[in-house]
Amino acid sequence: MAEERVEPRLAAILCADVVGYSRLMGADEEKTLAVLKAHRRQLIDPLIGQHRGRIYAMTVCCYARRHCQERAAG
């Protein structure tokens, strides 16, 4: 029986804070989210690709989640 080789994989957790996030979201939510996504695509995604990684899950802080829910509720 052939022996299967298992490649070890590492996991990393990244937590980032954005200075002025609440102020930016209050001023222009769509623009703020677009800029943050663009920064991630330009800075983080290439590094993930270089290391054959992947983003498993993304979350937002409790304030942002609550803010979005309140806006959706009207």
PDB file of N, CA and C in Angstrom:
ATOM      1  N   MET A   1       0.837  -1.171   0.000  1.00  0.00           N
ATOM      2  CA  MET A   1       0.000   0.000   0.000  1.00  0.00           C
ATOM      3  C   MET A   1       0.890   1.244   0.000  1.00  0.00           C
ATOM      4  N   ALA A   2       0.614   2.175  -0.910  1.00  0.00           N
ATOM      5  CA  ALA A   2       1.395   3.405  -1.005  1.00  0.00           C
ATOM      6  C   ALA A   2       1.110   4.315   0.187  1.00  0.00           C
ATOM      7  N   GLU A   3       2.172   4.899   0.686  1.00  0.00           N
ATOM      8  CA  GLU A   3       2.029   5.789   1.833  1.00  0.00           C
ATOM      9  C   GLU A   3       1.694   7.198   1.342  1.00  0.00           C
ATOM     10  N   GLU A   4       0.623   7.789   1.860  1.00  0.00           N
ATOM     11  CA  GLU A   4       0.236   9.146   1.482  1.00  0.00           C
ATOM     12  C   GLU A   4       1.046  10.145   2.283  1.00  0.00           C
ATOM     13  N   ARG A   5       1.501  11.172   1.593  1.00  0.00           N
ATOM     14  CA  ARG A   5       2.249  12.230   2.272  1.00  0.00           C
ATOM     15  C   ARG A   5       1.281  13.356   2.616  1.00  0.00           C
ATOM     16  N   VAL A   6       1.255  13.723   3.870  1.00  0.00           N
ATOM     17  CA  VAL A   6       0.388  14.791   4.329  1.00  0.00           C
ATOM     18  C   VAL A   6       1.246  16.036   4.525  1.00  0.00           C
ATOM     19  N   GLU A   7       0.856  17.118   3.857  1.00  0.00           N
ATOM     20  CA  GLU A   7       1.592  18.370   3.990  1.00  0.00           C
ATOM     21  C   GLU A   7       1.036  19.153   5.172  1.00  0.00           C
ATOM     22  N   PRO A   8       1.894  19.504   6.122  1.00  0.00           N
ATOM     23  CA  PRO A   8       1.399  20.271   7.267  1.00  0.00           C
ATOM     24  C   PRO A   8       0.950  21.660   6.833  1.00  0.00           C
ATOM     25  N   ARG A   9      -0.078  22.167   7.474  1.00  0.00           N
ATOM     26  CA  ARG A   9      -0.586  23.502   7.173  1.00  0.00           C
ATOM     27  C   ARG A   9      -0.645  24.308   8.455  1.00  0.00           C
ATOM     28  N   LEU A  10      -0.315  25.561   8.323  1.00  0.00           N
ATOM     29  CA  LEU A  10      -0.373  26.465   9.462  1.00  0.00           C
ATOM     30  C   LEU A  10      -1.615  27.324   9.351  1.00  0.00           C
ATOM     31  N   ALA A  11      -2.078  27.807  10.468  1.00  0.00           N
ATOM     32  CA  ALA A  11      -3.213  28.717  10.493  1.00  0.00           C
ATOM     33  C   ALA A  11      -2.768  30.027  11.139  1.00  0.00           C
ATOM     34  N   ALA A  12      -3.275  31.115  10.621  1.00  0.00           N
ATOM     35  CA  ALA A  12      -2.972  32.423  11.193  1.00  0.00           C
ATOM     36  C   ALA A  12      -4.276  33.188  11.353  1.00  0.00           C
ATOM     37  N   ILE A  13      -4.348  33.954  12.394  1.00  0.00           N
ATOM     38  CA  ILE A  13      -5.526  34.788  12.637  1.00  0.00           C
ATOM     39  C   ILE A  13      -5.072  36.235  12.583  1.00  0.00           C
ATOM     40  N   LEU A  14      -5.742  37.006  11.769  1.00  0.00           N
ATOM     41  CA  LEU A  14      -5.423  38.424  11.641  1.00  0.00           C
ATOM     42  C   LEU A  14      -6.583  39.234  12.187  1.00  0.00           C
ATOM     43  N   CYS A  15      -6.264  40.130  13.053  1.00  0.00           N
ATOM     44  CA  CYS A  15      -7.257  41.044  13.600  1.00  0.00           C
ATOM     45  C   CYS A  15      -6.724  42.450  13.367  1.00  0.00           C
ATOM     46  N   ALA A  16      -7.484  43.268  12.675  1.00  0.00           N
ATOM     47  CA  ALA A  16      -7.029  44.615  12.360  1.00  0.00           C
ATOM     48  C   ALA A  16      -8.012  45.640  12.897  1.00  0.00           C
ATOM     49  N   ASP A  17      -7.485  46.770  13.279  1.00  0.00           N
ATOM     50  CA  ASP A  17      -8.303  47.863  13.771  1.00  0.00           C
ATOM     51  C   ASP A  17      -8.132  49.032  12.818  1.00  0.00           C
ATOM     52  N   VAL A  18      -9.194  49.732  12.535  1.00  0.00           N
ATOM     53  CA  VAL A  18      -9.154  50.874  11.631  1.00  0.00           C
ATOM     54  C   VAL A  18      -9.392  52.139  12.446  1.00  0.00           C
ATOM     55  N   VAL A  19      -8.405  53.008  12.438  1.00  0.00           N
ATOM     56  CA  VAL A  19      -8.529  54.272  13.167  1.00  0.00           C
ATOM     57  C   VAL A  19      -9.623  55.109  12.510  1.00  0.00           C
ATOM     58  N   GLY A  20     -10.579  55.567  13.308  1.00  0.00           N
ATOM     59  CA  GLY A  20     -11.649  56.411  12.798  1.00  0.00           C
ATOM     60  C   GLY A  20     -12.746  55.651  12.067  1.00  0.00           C
ATOM     61  N   TYR A  21     -12.822  54.338  12.269  1.00  0.00           N
ATOM     62  CA  TYR A  21     -13.796  53.506  11.548  1.00  0.00           C
ATOM     63  C   TYR A  21     -15.231  54.007  11.735  1.00  0.00           C
ATOM     64  N   SER A  22     -15.623  54.283  12.957  1.00  0.00           N
ATOM     65  CA  SER A  22     -17.001  54.733  13.211  1.00  0.00           C
ATOM     66  C   SER A  22     -17.283  56.056  12.519  1.00  0.00           C
ATOM     67  N   ARG A  23     -16.322  56.963  12.580  1.00  0.00           N
ATOM     68  CA  ARG A  23     -16.483  58.259  11.929  1.00  0.00           C
ATOM     69  C   ARG A  23     -16.584  58.083  10.409  1.00  0.00           C
ATOM     70  N   LEU A  24     -15.709  57.251   9.854  1.00  0.00           N
ATOM     71  CA  LEU A  24     -15.729  57.014   8.410  1.00  0.00           C
ATOM     72  C   LEU A  24     -17.036  56.360   7.963  1.00  0.00           C
ATOM     73  N   MET A  25     -17.497  55.373   8.728  1.00  0.00           N
ATOM     74  CA  MET A  25     -18.749  54.694   8.387  1.00  0.00           C
ATOM     75  C   MET A  25     -19.916  55.658   8.484  1.00  0.00           C
ATOM     76  N   GLY A  26     -19.896  56.537   9.485  1.00  0.00           N
ATOM     77  CA  GLY A  26     -20.958  57.518   9.639  1.00  0.00           C
ATOM     78  C   GLY A  26     -20.980  58.522   8.500  1.00  0.00           C
ATOM     79  N   ALA A  27     -19.804  58.868   7.989  1.00  0.00           N
ATOM     80  CA  ALA A  27     -19.710  59.860   6.913  1.00  0.00           C
ATOM     81  C   ALA A  27     -20.110  59.268   5.565  1.00  0.00           C
ATOM     82  N   ASP A  28     -19.635  58.050   5.273  1.00  0.00           N
ATOM     83  CA  ASP A  28     -19.933  57.432   3.971  1.00  0.00           C
ATOM     84  C   ASP A  28     -19.669  55.933   4.064  1.00  0.00           C
ATOM     85  N   GLU A  29     -20.696  55.198   4.416  1.00  0.00           N
ATOM     86  CA  GLU A  29     -20.575  53.761   4.650  1.00  0.00           C
ATOM     87  C   GLU A  29     -20.102  53.005   3.412  1.00  0.00           C
ATOM     88  N   GLU A  30     -20.715  53.274   2.272  1.00  0.00           N
ATOM     89  CA  GLU A  30     -20.359  52.542   1.048  1.00  0.00           C
ATOM     90  C   GLU A  30     -18.910  52.791   0.645  1.00  0.00           C
ATOM     91  N   LYS A  31     -18.485  54.053   0.704  1.00  0.00           N
ATOM     92  CA  LYS A  31     -17.109  54.389   0.338  1.00  0.00           C
ATOM     93  C   LYS A  31     -16.117  53.743   1.307  1.00  0.00           C
ATOM     94  N   THR A  32     -16.418  53.796   2.600  1.00  0.00           N
ATOM     95  CA  THR A  32     -15.527  53.208   3.603  1.00  0.00           C
ATOM     96  C   THR A  32     -15.343  51.726   3.351  1.00  0.00           C
ATOM     97  N   LEU A  33     -16.429  50.998   3.135  1.00  0.00           N
ATOM     98  CA  LEU A  33     -16.331  49.557   2.883  1.00  0.00           C
ATOM     99  C   LEU A  33     -15.579  49.274   1.593  1.00  0.00           C
ATOM    100  N   ALA A  34     -15.810  50.086   0.558  1.00  0.00           N
ATOM    101  CA  ALA A  34     -15.114  49.906  -0.715  1.00  0.00           C
ATOM    102  C   ALA A  34     -13.606  50.119  -0.560  1.00  0.00           C
ATOM    103  N   VAL A  35     -13.230  51.143   0.188  1.00  0.00           N
ATOM    104  CA  VAL A  35     -11.803  51.427   0.413  1.00  0.00           C
ATOM    105  C   VAL A  35     -11.153  50.302   1.213  1.00  0.00           C
ATOM    106  N   LEU A  36     -11.826  49.837   2.254  1.00  0.00           N
ATOM    107  CA  LEU A  36     -11.269  48.749   3.054  1.00  0.00           C
ATOM    108  C   LEU A  36     -11.105  47.477   2.224  1.00  0.00           C
ATOM    109  N   LYS A  37     -12.078  47.166   1.381  1.00  0.00           N
ATOM    110  CA  LYS A  37     -11.974  45.991   0.514  1.00  0.00           C
ATOM    111  C   LYS A  37     -10.839  46.147  -0.486  1.00  0.00           C
ATOM    112  N   ALA A  38     -10.678  47.352  -1.027  1.00  0.00           N
ATOM    113  CA  ALA A  38      -9.594  47.606  -1.976  1.00  0.00           C
ATOM    114  C   ALA A  38      -8.233  47.428  -1.309  1.00  0.00           C
ATOM    115  N   HIS A  39      -8.092  47.934  -0.100  1.00  0.00           N
ATOM    116  CA  HIS A  39      -6.833  47.761   0.637  1.00  0.00           C
ATOM    117  C   HIS A  39      -6.549  46.286   0.870  1.00  0.00           C
ATOM    118  N   ARG A  40      -7.576  45.532   1.235  1.00  0.00           N
ATOM    119  CA  ARG A  40      -7.381  44.093   1.456  1.00  0.00           C
ATOM    120  C   ARG A  40      -6.933  43.409   0.172  1.00  0.00           C
ATOM    121  N   ARG A  41      -7.576  43.741  -0.945  1.00  0.00           N
ATOM    122  CA  ARG A  41      -7.210  43.130  -2.224  1.00  0.00           C
ATOM    123  C   ARG A  41      -5.772  43.474  -2.615  1.00  0.00           C
ATOM    124  N   GLN A  42      -5.360  44.717  -2.359  1.00  0.00           N
ATOM    125  CA  GLN A  42      -4.026  45.163  -2.760  1.00  0.00           C
ATOM    126  C   GLN A  42      -2.919  44.691  -1.816  1.00  0.00           C
ATOM    127  N   LEU A  43      -3.203  44.635  -0.528  1.00  0.00           N
ATOM    128  CA  LEU A  43      -2.158  44.360   0.457  1.00  0.00           C
ATOM    129  C   LEU A  43      -2.167  42.941   1.014  1.00  0.00           C
ATOM    130  N   ILE A  44      -3.330  42.458   1.376  1.00  0.00           N
ATOM    131  CA  ILE A  44      -3.431  41.171   2.073  1.00  0.00           C
ATOM    132  C   ILE A  44      -3.559  39.989   1.112  1.00  0.00           C
ATOM    133  N   ASP A  45      -4.455  40.106   0.137  1.00  0.00           N
ATOM    134  CA  ASP A  45      -4.710  38.988  -0.773  1.00  0.00           C
ATOM    135  C   ASP A  45      -3.457  38.472  -1.493  1.00  0.00           C
ATOM    136  N   PRO A  46      -2.565  39.360  -1.981  1.00  0.00           N
ATOM    137  CA  PRO A  46      -1.350  38.842  -2.628  1.00  0.00           C
ATOM    138  C   PRO A  46      -0.484  38.010  -1.683  1.00  0.00           C
ATOM    139  N   LEU A  47      -0.388  38.414  -0.427  1.00  0.00           N
ATOM    140  CA  LEU A  47       0.398  37.643   0.545  1.00  0.00           C
ATOM    141  C   LEU A  47      -0.233  36.282   0.817  1.00  0.00           C
ATOM    142  N   ILE A  48      -1.544  36.275   0.888  1.00  0.00           N
ATOM    143  CA  ILE A  48      -2.243  35.000   1.101  1.00  0.00           C
ATOM    144  C   ILE A  48      -1.956  34.063  -0.066  1.00  0.00           C
ATOM    145  N   GLY A  49      -2.017  34.603  -1.278  1.00  0.00           N
ATOM    146  CA  GLY A  49      -1.739  33.794  -2.464  1.00  0.00           C
ATOM    147  C   GLY A  49      -0.310  33.283  -2.510  1.00  0.00           C
ATOM    148  N   GLN A  50       0.650  34.122  -2.119  1.00  0.00           N
ATOM    149  CA  GLN A  50       2.063  33.711  -2.124  1.00  0.00           C
ATOM    150  C   GLN A  50       2.308  32.514  -1.216  1.00  0.00           C
ATOM    151  N   HIS A  51       1.520  32.415  -0.172  1.00  0.00           N
ATOM    152  CA  HIS A  51       1.708  31.338   0.795  1.00  0.00           C
ATOM    153  C   HIS A  51       0.669  30.229   0.647  1.00  0.00           C
ATOM    154  N   ARG A  52       0.000  30.239  -0.509  1.00  0.00           N
ATOM    155  CA  ARG A  52      -1.027  29.228  -0.819  1.00  0.00           C
ATOM    156  C   ARG A  52      -2.079  29.138   0.276  1.00  0.00           C
ATOM    157  N   GLY A  53      -2.467  30.292   0.793  1.00  0.00           N
ATOM    158  CA  GLY A  53      -3.443  30.339   1.866  1.00  0.00           C
ATOM    159  C   GLY A  53      -4.831  30.665   1.358  1.00  0.00           C
ATOM    160  N   ARG A  54      -5.717  30.868   2.282  1.00  0.00           N
ATOM    161  CA  ARG A  54      -7.093  31.234   1.950  1.00  0.00           C
ATOM    162  C   ARG A  54      -7.711  31.965   3.126  1.00  0.00           C
ATOM    163  N   ILE A  55      -8.709  32.744   2.832  1.00  0.00           N
ATOM    164  CA  ILE A  55      -9.496  33.385   3.887  1.00  0.00           C
ATOM    165  C   ILE A  55     -10.621  32.427   4.214  1.00  0.00           C
ATOM    166  N   TYR A  56     -10.681  32.021   5.453  1.00  0.00           N
ATOM    167  CA  TYR A  56     -11.708  31.067   5.864  1.00  0.00           C
ATOM    168  C   TYR A  56     -12.996  31.775   6.250  1.00  0.00           C
ATOM    169  N   ALA A  57     -12.888  32.842   6.983  1.00  0.00           N
ATOM    170  CA  ALA A  57     -14.070  33.578   7.412  1.00  0.00           C
ATOM    171  C   ALA A  57     -13.673  35.015   7.706  1.00  0.00           C
ATOM    172  N   MET A  58     -14.613  35.902   7.497  1.00  0.00           N
ATOM    173  CA  MET A  58     -14.397  37.299   7.836  1.00  0.00           C
ATOM    174  C   MET A  58     -15.548  37.749   8.706  1.00  0.00           C
ATOM    175  N   THR A  59     -15.241  38.494   9.733  1.00  0.00           N
ATOM    176  CA  THR A  59     -16.280  39.004  10.615  1.00  0.00           C
ATOM    177  C   THR A  59     -16.095  40.502  10.763  1.00  0.00           C
ATOM    178  N   VAL A  60     -17.122  41.139  11.233  1.00  0.00           N
ATOM    179  CA  VAL A  60     -17.032  42.570  11.545  1.00  0.00           C
ATOM    180  C   VAL A  60     -17.256  42.730  13.030  1.00  0.00           C
ATOM    181  N   CYS A  61     -16.795  43.837  13.542  1.00  0.00           N
ATOM    182  CA  CYS A  61     -16.948  44.051  14.981  1.00  0.00           C
ATOM    183  C   CYS A  61     -18.427  44.150  15.347  1.00  0.00           C
ATOM    184  N   CYS A  62     -18.710  43.959  16.599  1.00  0.00           N
ATOM    185  CA  CYS A  62     -20.094  43.986  17.076  1.00  0.00           C
ATOM    186  C   CYS A  62     -20.764  45.314  16.775  1.00  0.00           C
ATOM    187  N   TYR A  63     -20.045  46.414  16.909  1.00  0.00           N
ATOM    188  CA  TYR A  63     -20.639  47.726  16.637  1.00  0.00           C
ATOM    189  C   TYR A  63     -21.089  47.820  15.183  1.00  0.00           C
ATOM    190  N   ALA A  64     -20.218  47.428  14.260  1.00  0.00           N
ATOM    191  CA  ALA A  64     -20.553  47.532  12.843  1.00  0.00           C
ATOM    192  C   ALA A  64     -21.734  46.626  12.499  1.00  0.00           C
ATOM    193  N   ARG A  65     -21.751  45.426  13.046  1.00  0.00           N
ATOM    194  CA  ARG A  65     -22.855  44.499  12.775  1.00  0.00           C
ATOM    195  C   ARG A  65     -24.160  45.090  13.296  1.00  0.00           C
ATOM    196  N   ARG A  66     -24.133  45.630  14.512  1.00  0.00           N
ATOM    197  CA  ARG A  66     -25.332  46.231  15.107  1.00  0.00           C
ATOM    198  C   ARG A  66     -25.752  47.457  14.293  1.00  0.00           C
ATOM    199  N   HIS A  67     -24.791  48.258  13.865  1.00  0.00           N
ATOM    200  CA  HIS A  67     -25.068  49.449  13.056  1.00  0.00           C
ATOM    201  C   HIS A  67     -25.779  49.052  11.755  1.00  0.00           C
ATOM    202  N   CYS A  68     -25.283  48.026  11.101  1.00  0.00           N
ATOM    203  CA  CYS A  68     -25.893  47.579   9.839  1.00  0.00           C
ATOM    204  C   CYS A  68     -27.304  47.033  10.071  1.00  0.00           C
ATOM    205  N   GLN A  69     -27.495  46.302  11.164  1.00  0.00           N
ATOM    206  CA  GLN A  69     -28.809  45.743  11.461  1.00  0.00           C
ATOM    207  C   GLN A  69     -29.810  46.865  11.752  1.00  0.00           C
ATOM    208  N   GLU A  70     -29.369  47.879  12.481  1.00  0.00           N
ATOM    209  CA  GLU A  70     -30.266  48.997  12.795  1.00  0.00           C
ATOM    210  C   GLU A  70     -30.646  49.768  11.533  1.00  0.00           C
ATOM    211  N   ARG A  71     -29.698  49.953  10.646  1.00  0.00           N
ATOM    212  CA  ARG A  71     -29.981  50.658   9.386  1.00  0.00           C
ATOM    213  C   ARG A  71     -30.960  49.853   8.526  1.00  0.00           C
ATOM    214  N   ALA A  72     -30.792  48.526   8.507  1.00  0.00           N
ATOM    215  CA  ALA A  72     -31.671  47.686   7.708  1.00  0.00           C
ATOM    216  C   ALA A  72     -33.095  47.688   8.270  1.00  0.00           C
ATOM    217  N   ALA A  73     -33.204  47.763   9.606  1.00  0.00           N
ATOM    218  CA  ALA A  73     -34.515  47.737  10.253  1.00  0.00           C
ATOM    219  C   ALA A  73     -35.266  49.061  10.051  1.00  0.00           C
ATOM    220  N   GLY A  74     -34.511  50.106   9.731  1.00  0.00           N
ATOM    221  CA  GLY A  74     -35.169  51.404   9.488  1.00  0.00           C
ATOM    222  C   GLY A  74     -35.141  52.231  10.665  1.00  0.00           C
TER     223      GLY A  74
END
